[in-house]
PDB file of N, CA and C in Angstrom:
ATOM      1  N   MET A   1     -11.610  18.263   8.996  1.00  0.00           N
ATOM      2  CA  MET A   1     -10.744  17.412   8.953  1.00  0.00           C
ATOM      3  C   MET A   1      -9.552  18.081   8.034  1.00  0.00           C
ATOM      4  N   THR A   2      -7.955  17.953   8.688  1.00  0.00           N
ATOM      5  CA  THR A   2      -7.344  18.629   7.382  1.00  0.00           C
ATOM      6  C   THR A   2      -7.049  18.081   6.502  1.00  0.00           C
ATOM      7  N   ILE A   3      -6.279  18.213   5.251  1.00  0.00           N
ATOM      8  CA  ILE A   3      -5.282  17.516   4.375  1.00  0.00           C
ATOM      9  C   ILE A   3      -4.461  16.715   4.725  1.00  0.00           C
ATOM     10  N   HIS A   4      -4.259  15.605   4.860  1.00  0.00           N
ATOM     11  CA  HIS A   4      -2.817  14.688   5.034  1.00  0.00           C
ATOM     12  C   HIS A   4      -2.743  13.685   4.324  1.00  0.00           C
ATOM     13  N   THR A   5      -1.901  14.427   3.526  1.00  0.00           N
ATOM     14  CA  THR A   5      -0.804  13.759   2.375  1.00  0.00           C
ATOM     15  C   THR A   5       0.996  13.853   2.375  1.00  0.00           C
ATOM     16  N   HIS A   6       1.015  12.938   1.918  1.00  0.00           N
ATOM     17  CA  HIS A   6       2.634  12.619   2.124  1.00  0.00           C
ATOM     18  C   HIS A   6       3.288  12.351   0.617  1.00  0.00           C
ATOM     19  N   GLN A   7       4.217  12.528   0.621  1.00  0.00           N
ATOM     20  CA  GLN A   7       5.274  12.274  -0.815  1.00  0.00           C
ATOM     21  C   GLN A   7       4.587  10.731  -1.354  1.00  0.00           C
ATOM     22  N   SER A   8       4.501   9.740  -0.850  1.00  0.00           N
ATOM     23  CA  SER A   8       4.389   9.016  -1.292  1.00  0.00           C
ATOM     24  C   SER A   8       2.575   8.814  -2.203  1.00  0.00           C
ATOM     25  N   HIS A   9       1.471   9.577  -1.915  1.00  0.00           N
ATOM     26  CA  HIS A   9       0.357   9.435  -2.156  1.00  0.00           C
ATOM     27  C   HIS A   9       0.359   9.508  -3.610  1.00  0.00           C
ATOM     28  N   PRO A  10       0.609  10.410  -4.805  1.00  0.00           N
ATOM     29  CA  PRO A  10       0.819   9.796  -6.069  1.00  0.00           C
ATOM     30  C   PRO A  10       1.270   8.277  -6.402  1.00  0.00           C
ATOM     31  N   ASP A  11       2.199   8.023  -6.016  1.00  0.00           N
ATOM     32  CA  ASP A  11       2.521   6.598  -6.083  1.00  0.00           C
ATOM     33  C   ASP A  11       1.638   5.782  -5.886  1.00  0.00           C
ATOM     34  N   ILE A  12       0.643   5.968  -4.135  1.00  0.00           N
ATOM     35  CA  ILE A  12      -0.124   4.758  -3.984  1.00  0.00           C
ATOM     36  C   ILE A  12      -1.176   5.126  -5.301  1.00  0.00           C
ATOM     37  N   ILE A  13      -1.721   6.271  -5.261  1.00  0.00           N
ATOM     38  CA  ILE A  13      -2.964   6.679  -6.138  1.00  0.00           C
ATOM     39  C   ILE A  13      -2.851   6.031  -8.046  1.00  0.00           C
ATOM     40  N   LYS A  14      -1.353   5.761  -8.664  1.00  0.00           N
ATOM     41  CA  LYS A  14      -1.189   4.720  -9.222  1.00  0.00           C
ATOM     42  C   LYS A  14      -1.464   3.911  -9.615  1.00  0.00           C
ATOM     43  N   ARG A  15      -1.022   2.987  -8.209  1.00  0.00           N
ATOM     44  CA  ARG A  15      -1.263   1.425  -8.472  1.00  0.00           C
ATOM     45  C   ARG A  15      -2.384   1.410  -8.380  1.00  0.00           C
ATOM     46  N   LEU A  16      -3.711   2.178  -6.935  1.00  0.00           N
ATOM     47  CA  LEU A  16      -5.124   2.023  -7.471  1.00  0.00           C
ATOM     48  C   LEU A  16      -5.564   2.473  -8.679  1.00  0.00           C
ATOM     49  N   ASN A  17      -4.947   3.341  -9.533  1.00  0.00           N
ATOM     50  CA  ASN A  17      -5.817   3.174 -10.692  1.00  0.00           C
ATOM     51  C   ASN A  17      -5.767   2.042 -11.591  1.00  0.00           C
ATOM     52  N   ARG A  18      -4.004   1.636 -11.308  1.00  0.00           N
ATOM     53  CA  ARG A  18      -3.703   0.382 -12.382  1.00  0.00           C
ATOM     54  C   ARG A  18      -5.076  -0.950 -11.632  1.00  0.00           C
ATOM     55  N   ALA A  19      -5.185  -0.854 -10.529  1.00  0.00           N
ATOM     56  CA  ALA A  19      -5.655  -1.871  -9.987  1.00  0.00           C
ATOM     57  C   ALA A  19      -7.249  -2.335 -10.117  1.00  0.00           C
ATOM     58  N   ARG A  20      -7.575  -0.857 -10.619  1.00  0.00           N
ATOM     59  CA  ARG A  20      -8.811  -0.982 -10.791  1.00  0.00           C
ATOM     60  C   ARG A  20      -8.974  -1.320 -12.405  1.00  0.00           C
ATOM     61  N   GLY A  21      -7.995  -0.450 -13.226  1.00  0.00           N
ATOM     62  CA  GLY A  21      -8.034  -1.276 -14.430  1.00  0.00           C
ATOM     63  C   GLY A  21      -7.912  -2.321 -14.754  1.00  0.00           C
ATOM     64  N   HIS A  22      -7.227  -3.339 -14.272  1.00  0.00           N
ATOM     65  CA  HIS A  22      -7.382  -4.463 -13.963  1.00  0.00           C
ATOM     66  C   HIS A  22      -8.363  -5.422 -13.117  1.00  0.00           C
ATOM     67  N   LEU A  23      -9.291  -4.778 -12.438  1.00  0.00           N
ATOM     68  CA  LEU A  23     -10.180  -4.992 -12.198  1.00  0.00           C
ATOM     69  C   LEU A  23     -11.622  -4.759 -13.110  1.00  0.00           C
ATOM     70  N   SER A  24     -11.660  -4.060 -13.778  1.00  0.00           N
ATOM     71  CA  SER A  24     -12.903  -3.691 -14.742  1.00  0.00           C
ATOM     72  C   SER A  24     -12.765  -5.071 -15.539  1.00  0.00           C
ATOM     73  N   SER A  25     -11.055  -5.185 -16.114  1.00  0.00           N
ATOM     74  CA  SER A  25     -10.939  -6.515 -17.302  1.00  0.00           C
ATOM     75  C   SER A  25     -11.319  -7.438 -16.718  1.00  0.00           C
ATOM     76  N   VAL A  26     -11.518  -7.450 -15.410  1.00  0.00           N
ATOM     77  CA  VAL A  26     -11.579  -9.188 -14.929  1.00  0.00           C
ATOM     78  C   VAL A  26     -13.129  -9.455 -14.648  1.00  0.00           C
ATOM     79  N   THR A  27     -13.590  -8.088 -14.968  1.00  0.00           N
ATOM     80  CA  THR A  27     -15.077  -8.260 -15.474  1.00  0.00           C
ATOM     81  C   THR A  27     -15.672  -8.197 -16.375  1.00  0.00           C
ATOM     82  N   GLN A  28     -14.661  -7.712 -17.584  1.00  0.00           N
ATOM     83  CA  GLN A  28     -14.731  -8.105 -18.621  1.00  0.00           C
ATOM     84  C   GLN A  28     -14.796  -9.553 -19.095  1.00  0.00           C
ATOM     85  N   MET A  29     -13.467 -10.079 -18.806  1.00  0.00           N
ATOM     86  CA  MET A  29     -13.158 -11.300 -18.923  1.00  0.00           C
ATOM     87  C   MET A  29     -14.368 -12.485 -18.731  1.00  0.00           C
ATOM     88  N   ILE A  30     -15.568 -12.339 -17.128  1.00  0.00           N
ATOM     89  CA  ILE A  30     -16.210 -13.058 -16.780  1.00  0.00           C
ATOM     90  C   ILE A  30     -17.058 -12.642 -17.645  1.00  0.00           C
ATOM     91  N   GLU A  31     -17.838 -11.585 -18.062  1.00  0.00           N
ATOM     92  CA  GLU A  31     -18.917 -11.463 -18.970  1.00  0.00           C
ATOM     93  C   GLU A  31     -18.474 -12.426 -20.430  1.00  0.00           C
ATOM     94  N   ASP A  32     -17.083 -12.097 -21.157  1.00  0.00           N
ATOM     95  CA  ASP A  32     -17.107 -12.718 -22.398  1.00  0.00           C
ATOM     96  C   ASP A  32     -16.665 -14.454 -22.019  1.00  0.00           C
ATOM     97  N   GLY A  33     -17.034 -14.522 -20.757  1.00  0.00           N
ATOM     98  CA  GLY A  33     -16.824 -16.467 -20.813  1.00  0.00           C
ATOM     99  C   GLY A  33     -15.426 -16.620 -20.850  1.00  0.00           C
ATOM    100  N   ARG A  34     -14.157 -16.032 -20.403  1.00  0.00           N
ATOM    101  CA  ARG A  34     -12.606 -16.589 -20.499  1.00  0.00           C
ATOM    102  C   ARG A  34     -12.464 -17.246 -19.586  1.00  0.00           C
ATOM    103  N   HIS A  35     -11.565 -18.781 -19.298  1.00  0.00           N
ATOM    104  CA  HIS A  35     -11.273 -19.661 -18.926  1.00  0.00           C
ATOM    105  C   HIS A  35     -11.029 -18.768 -17.148  1.00  0.00           C
ATOM    106  N   CYS A  36     -11.911 -19.688 -16.294  1.00  0.00           N
ATOM    107  CA  CYS A  36     -11.358 -19.773 -15.084  1.00  0.00           C
ATOM    108  C   CYS A  36      -9.623 -19.236 -14.108  1.00  0.00           C
ATOM    109  N   LEU A  37      -8.927 -19.705 -14.961  1.00  0.00           N
ATOM    110  CA  LEU A  37      -7.971 -20.029 -14.769  1.00  0.00           C
ATOM    111  C   LEU A  37      -6.989 -18.251 -15.014  1.00  0.00           C
ATOM    112  N   ASP A  38      -7.562 -18.430 -15.948  1.00  0.00           N
ATOM    113  CA  ASP A  38      -7.124 -16.403 -16.542  1.00  0.00           C
ATOM    114  C   ASP A  38      -7.413 -15.679 -15.672  1.00  0.00           C
ATOM    115  N   ILE A  39      -8.905 -15.659 -15.450  1.00  0.00           N
ATOM    116  CA  ILE A  39      -9.434 -14.591 -14.409  1.00  0.00           C
ATOM    117  C   ILE A  39      -8.752 -15.083 -12.989  1.00  0.00           C
ATOM    118  N   ALA A  40      -8.653 -16.201 -12.399  1.00  0.00           N
ATOM    119  CA  ALA A  40      -8.166 -16.379 -11.390  1.00  0.00           C
ATOM    120  C   ALA A  40      -6.614 -15.576 -11.285  1.00  0.00           C
ATOM    121  N   GLN A  41      -5.809 -15.815 -12.427  1.00  0.00           N
ATOM    122  CA  GLN A  41      -4.881 -15.095 -12.386  1.00  0.00           C
ATOM    123  C   GLN A  41      -4.653 -13.642 -12.561  1.00  0.00           C
ATOM    124  N   GLN A  42      -5.555 -12.844 -13.402  1.00  0.00           N
ATOM    125  CA  GLN A  42      -6.097 -11.175 -12.860  1.00  0.00           C
ATOM    126  C   GLN A  42      -6.034 -10.950 -11.723  1.00  0.00           C
ATOM    127  N   LEU A  43      -7.644 -11.717 -11.145  1.00  0.00           N
ATOM    128  CA  LEU A  43      -7.955 -11.488 -10.055  1.00  0.00           C
ATOM    129  C   LEU A  43      -6.707 -11.649  -8.544  1.00  0.00           C
ATOM    130  N   HIS A  44      -5.862 -12.045  -8.560  1.00  0.00           N
ATOM    131  CA  HIS A  44      -4.481 -12.132  -7.976  1.00  0.00           C
ATOM    132  C   HIS A  44      -3.021 -11.145  -8.055  1.00  0.00           C
ATOM    133  N   ALA A  45      -3.484 -10.378  -9.391  1.00  0.00           N
ATOM    134  CA  ALA A  45      -2.962  -9.203  -9.841  1.00  0.00           C
ATOM    135  C   ALA A  45      -3.589  -8.553  -9.253  1.00  0.00           C
ATOM    136  N   VAL A  46      -4.951  -8.435  -9.318  1.00  0.00           N
ATOM    137  CA  VAL A  46      -6.171  -7.015  -8.446  1.00  0.00           C
ATOM    138  C   VAL A  46      -5.302  -6.638  -6.535  1.00  0.00           C
ATOM    139  N   GLU A  47      -5.762  -8.478  -6.590  1.00  0.00           N
ATOM    140  CA  GLU A  47      -5.050  -8.478  -4.910  1.00  0.00           C
ATOM    141  C   GLU A  47      -4.134  -7.785  -4.384  1.00  0.00           C
ATOM    142  N   LYS A  48      -2.992  -8.434  -4.922  1.00  0.00           N
ATOM    143  CA  LYS A  48      -1.652  -7.987  -5.194  1.00  0.00           C
ATOM    144  C   LYS A  48      -1.420  -6.400  -4.898  1.00  0.00           C
ATOM    145  N   ALA A  49      -1.964  -6.117  -6.630  1.00  0.00           N
ATOM    146  CA  ALA A  49      -2.158  -4.066  -6.455  1.00  0.00           C
ATOM    147  C   ALA A  49      -2.443  -3.158  -5.420  1.00  0.00           C
ATOM    148  N   ILE A  50      -3.593  -3.621  -4.828  1.00  0.00           N
ATOM    149  CA  ILE A  50      -4.383  -3.480  -3.560  1.00  0.00           C
ATOM    150  C   ILE A  50      -3.118  -3.322  -2.455  1.00  0.00           C
ATOM    151  N   GLN A  51      -2.353  -4.896  -1.847  1.00  0.00           N
ATOM    152  CA  GLN A  51      -1.974  -5.102  -0.980  1.00  0.00           C
ATOM    153  C   GLN A  51      -0.448  -4.247  -0.517  1.00  0.00           C
ATOM    154  N   GLN A  52      -0.433  -4.023  -1.731  1.00  0.00           N
ATOM    155  CA  GLN A  52       0.994  -3.373  -2.210  1.00  0.00           C
ATOM    156  C   GLN A  52       0.815  -1.310  -1.996  1.00  0.00           C
ATOM    157  N   ALA A  53      -0.493  -1.154  -2.334  1.00  0.00           N
ATOM    158  CA  ALA A  53      -1.006  -0.146  -2.083  1.00  0.00           C
ATOM    159  C   ALA A  53      -1.300   0.204  -0.824  1.00  0.00           C
ATOM    160  N   LYS A  54      -1.885  -0.273  -0.099  1.00  0.00           N
ATOM    161  CA  LYS A  54      -2.211  -0.553   1.203  1.00  0.00           C
ATOM    162  C   LYS A  54      -0.879  -0.229   1.949  1.00  0.00           C
ATOM    163  N   ARG A  55       0.033  -1.204   1.999  1.00  0.00           N
ATOM    164  CA  ARG A  55       1.517  -1.851   2.597  1.00  0.00           C
ATOM    165  C   ARG A  55       2.290  -0.211   2.689  1.00  0.00           C
ATOM    166  N   ALA A  56       2.356   0.490   1.419  1.00  0.00           N
ATOM    167  CA  ALA A  56       3.103   1.395   1.376  1.00  0.00           C
ATOM    168  C   ALA A  56       2.545   2.316   1.894  1.00  0.00           C
ATOM    169  N   LEU A  57       1.189   2.541   2.060  1.00  0.00           N
ATOM    170  CA  LEU A  57       0.185   3.653   2.798  1.00  0.00           C
ATOM    171  C   LEU A  57       0.910   3.835   4.426  1.00  0.00           C
ATOM    172  N   VAL A  58       0.621   2.746   4.709  1.00  0.00           N
ATOM    173  CA  VAL A  58       0.824   2.416   6.316  1.00  0.00           C
ATOM    174  C   VAL A  58       2.300   2.186   6.432  1.00  0.00           C
ATOM    175  N   LEU A  59       3.345   2.686   5.447  1.00  0.00           N
ATOM    176  CA  LEU A  59       4.817   1.939   5.953  1.00  0.00           C
ATOM    177  C   LEU A  59       4.766   3.878   6.302  1.00  0.00           C
ATOM    178  N   ASP A  60       4.350   4.241   5.011  1.00  0.00           N
ATOM    179  CA  ASP A  60       4.319   6.110   4.659  1.00  0.00           C
ATOM    180  C   ASP A  60       4.183   6.544   5.581  1.00  0.00           C
ATOM    181  N   HIS A  61       2.785   6.382   6.172  1.00  0.00           N
ATOM    182  CA  HIS A  61       2.663   6.585   7.878  1.00  0.00           C
ATOM    183  C   HIS A  61       3.486   6.489   9.090  1.00  0.00           C
ATOM    184  N   ILE A  62       3.854   5.315   9.002  1.00  0.00           N
ATOM    185  CA  ILE A  62       4.798   5.003  10.309  1.00  0.00           C
ATOM    186  C   ILE A  62       5.728   5.697  10.153  1.00  0.00           C
ATOM    187  N   ASP A  63       6.305   6.002   8.915  1.00  0.00           N
ATOM    188  CA  ASP A  63       7.316   6.492   8.955  1.00  0.00           C
ATOM    189  C   ASP A  63       7.409   8.666   9.301  1.00  0.00           C
ATOM    190  N   HIS A  64       6.351   8.531   8.799  1.00  0.00           N
ATOM    191  CA  HIS A  64       6.379  10.013   8.795  1.00  0.00           C
ATOM    192  C   HIS A  64       5.669  10.605  10.304  1.00  0.00           C
ATOM    193  N   CYS A  65       4.539   9.989  10.489  1.00  0.00           N
ATOM    194  CA  CYS A  65       3.498  10.230  11.781  1.00  0.00           C
ATOM    195  C   CYS A  65       4.177   9.657  12.763  1.00  0.00           C
ATOM    196  N   LEU A  66       4.714   8.906  12.689  1.00  0.00           N
ATOM    197  CA  LEU A  66       5.318   8.538  13.891  1.00  0.00           C
ATOM    198  C   LEU A  66       6.949   9.324  14.889  1.00  0.00           C
ATOM    199  N   GLU A  67       7.488   9.702  13.200  1.00  0.00           N
ATOM    200  CA  GLU A  67       8.080  10.529  13.662  1.00  0.00           C
ATOM    201  C   GLU A  67       7.765  12.271  14.765  1.00  0.00           C
ATOM    202  N   ASP A  68       6.753  12.687  14.062  1.00  0.00           N
ATOM    203  CA  ASP A  68       5.785  13.809  14.307  1.00  0.00           C
ATOM    204  C   ASP A  68       5.420  13.705  15.650  1.00  0.00           C
ATOM    205  N   ALA A  69       4.839  12.371  16.310  1.00  0.00           N
ATOM    206  CA  ALA A  69       4.434  11.918  17.431  1.00  0.00           C
ATOM    207  C   ALA A  69       5.894  11.926  18.682  1.00  0.00           C
ATOM    208  N   LEU A  70       6.392  11.002  18.113  1.00  0.00           N
ATOM    209  CA  LEU A  70       7.689  10.834  19.057  1.00  0.00           C
ATOM    210  C   LEU A  70       8.448  12.347  19.787  1.00  0.00           C
ATOM    211  N   GLY A  71       8.532  13.130  18.520  1.00  0.00           N
ATOM    212  CA  GLY A  71       9.494  14.335  19.000  1.00  0.00           C
ATOM    213  C   GLY A  71      10.847  13.998  18.980  1.00  0.00           C
ATOM    214  N   SER A  72      11.329  15.140  19.706  1.00  0.00           N
ATOM    215  CA  SER A  72      12.769  14.885  20.097  1.00  0.00           C
ATOM    216  C   SER A  72      12.742  13.805  21.296  1.00  0.00           C
ATOM    217  N   GLN A  73      13.836  12.769  20.709  1.00  0.00           N
ATOM    218  CA  GLN A  73      14.337  11.807  21.607  1.00  0.00           C
ATOM    219  C   GLN A  73      15.570  11.646  21.891  1.00  0.00           C
ATOM    220  N   ASP A  74      15.858  11.174  23.295  1.00  0.00           N
ATOM    221  CA  ASP A  74      17.561  10.893  23.335  1.00  0.00           C
ATOM    222  C   ASP A  74      17.467   9.606  22.674  1.00  0.00           C
ATOM    223  N   GLN A  75      18.861   9.128  22.073  1.00  0.00           N
ATOM    224  CA  GLN A  75      19.780   8.364  21.094  1.00  0.00           C
ATOM    225  C   GLN A  75      19.159   6.882  21.284  1.00  0.00           C
ATOM    226  N   THR A  76      18.969   6.376  22.568  1.00  0.00           N
ATOM    227  CA  THR A  76      18.088   5.351  22.659  1.00  0.00           C
ATOM    228  C   THR A  76      16.115   5.298  22.251  1.00  0.00           C
ATOM    229  N   GLN A  77      16.002   6.065  23.141  1.00  0.00           N
ATOM    230  CA  GLN A  77      14.728   6.057  22.329  1.00  0.00           C
ATOM    231  C   GLN A  77      14.629   6.479  20.920  1.00  0.00           C
ATOM    232  N   ARG A  78      15.675   6.507  20.380  1.00  0.00           N
ATOM    233  CA  ARG A  78      15.814   7.008  18.770  1.00  0.00           C
ATOM    234  C   ARG A  78      16.065   5.476  17.931  1.00  0.00           C
ATOM    235  N   ALA A  79      16.807   4.720  18.800  1.00  0.00           N
ATOM    236  CA  ALA A  79      17.005   3.538  18.157  1.00  0.00           C
ATOM    237  C   ALA A  79      15.895   2.332  18.362  1.00  0.00           C
ATOM    238  N   ARG A  80      15.256   2.977  19.208  1.00  0.00           N
ATOM    239  CA  ARG A  80      13.748   1.892  19.519  1.00  0.00           C
ATOM    240  C   ARG A  80      12.895   2.034  18.727  1.00  0.00           C
ATOM    241  N   ALA A  81      12.663   3.670  18.013  1.00  0.00           N
ATOM    242  CA  ALA A  81      12.072   3.929  17.228  1.00  0.00           C
ATOM    243  C   ALA A  81      12.272   3.379  16.106  1.00  0.00           C
ATOM    244  N   GLU A  82      13.710   3.675  15.659  1.00  0.00           N
ATOM    245  CA  GLU A  82      14.099   3.318  14.100  1.00  0.00           C
ATOM    246  C   GLU A  82      13.682   1.921  14.312  1.00  0.00           C
ATOM    247  N   GLU A  83      14.516   0.203  15.090  1.00  0.00           N
ATOM    248  CA  GLU A  83      13.925  -0.849  15.458  1.00  0.00           C
ATOM    249  C   GLU A  83      12.401  -0.758  14.809  1.00  0.00           C
ATOM    250  N   PHE A  84      11.327  -0.166  15.057  1.00  0.00           N
ATOM    251  CA  PHE A  84       9.990  -0.217  15.468  1.00  0.00           C
ATOM    252  C   PHE A  84      10.013  -0.460  13.485  1.00  0.00           C
ATOM    253  N   LYS A  85      10.176   0.526  12.964  1.00  0.00           N
ATOM    254  CA  LYS A  85      10.047   1.022  11.960  1.00  0.00           C
ATOM    255  C   LYS A  85      10.757   0.334  11.395  1.00  0.00           C
ATOM    256  N   ALA A  86      11.623  -0.493  11.194  1.00  0.00           N
ATOM    257  CA  ALA A  86      12.430  -1.477  10.549  1.00  0.00           C
ATOM    258  C   ALA A  86      11.430  -2.874  10.351  1.00  0.00           C
ATOM    259  N   ILE A  87      11.654  -3.079  11.370  1.00  0.00           N
ATOM    260  CA  ILE A  87      10.527  -4.090  11.530  1.00  0.00           C
ATOM    261  C   ILE A  87       9.080  -4.297  11.029  1.00  0.00           C
ATOM    262  N   THR A  88       8.130  -2.705  10.530  1.00  0.00           N
ATOM    263  CA  THR A  88       7.326  -3.118   9.761  1.00  0.00           C
ATOM    264  C   THR A  88       7.572  -3.316   8.272  1.00  0.00           C
ATOM    265  N   ARG A  89       9.236  -3.653   8.187  1.00  0.00           N
ATOM    266  CA  ARG A  89       9.298  -3.857   6.100  1.00  0.00           C
ATOM    267  C   ARG A  89       9.572  -5.072   6.346  1.00  0.00           C
ATOM    268  N   TYR A  90       8.527  -6.071   6.824  1.00  0.00           N
ATOM    269  CA  TYR A  90       8.377  -7.297   6.635  1.00  0.00           C
ATOM    270  C   TYR A  90       6.981  -7.521   7.030  1.00  0.00           C
ATOM    271  N   LEU A  91       5.926  -6.287   6.814  1.00  0.00           N
ATOM    272  CA  LEU A  91       4.465  -6.946   7.104  1.00  0.00           C
ATOM    273  C   LEU A  91       4.538  -7.372   6.019  1.00  0.00           C
TER     274      LEU A  91
END
């Protein structure tokens, strides 16, 4: 297996570490008997943080790996690839 890194990976790691910290807080909140609404809000924050990390990873992969896979193209093919990358922003 080869090492595969992108510029966005340090940011993704930061997001995941933040999510890990929030998740630990949620566990502590449950053990402390905190209100369900407070716990649900924190769980939502954890879920969003992980979702954003996943989204950043997928978009970065598309941006970089699609370019490598497609290689040199004519202008029409390049425009189609750019359109494909643009629509993924709405995921």
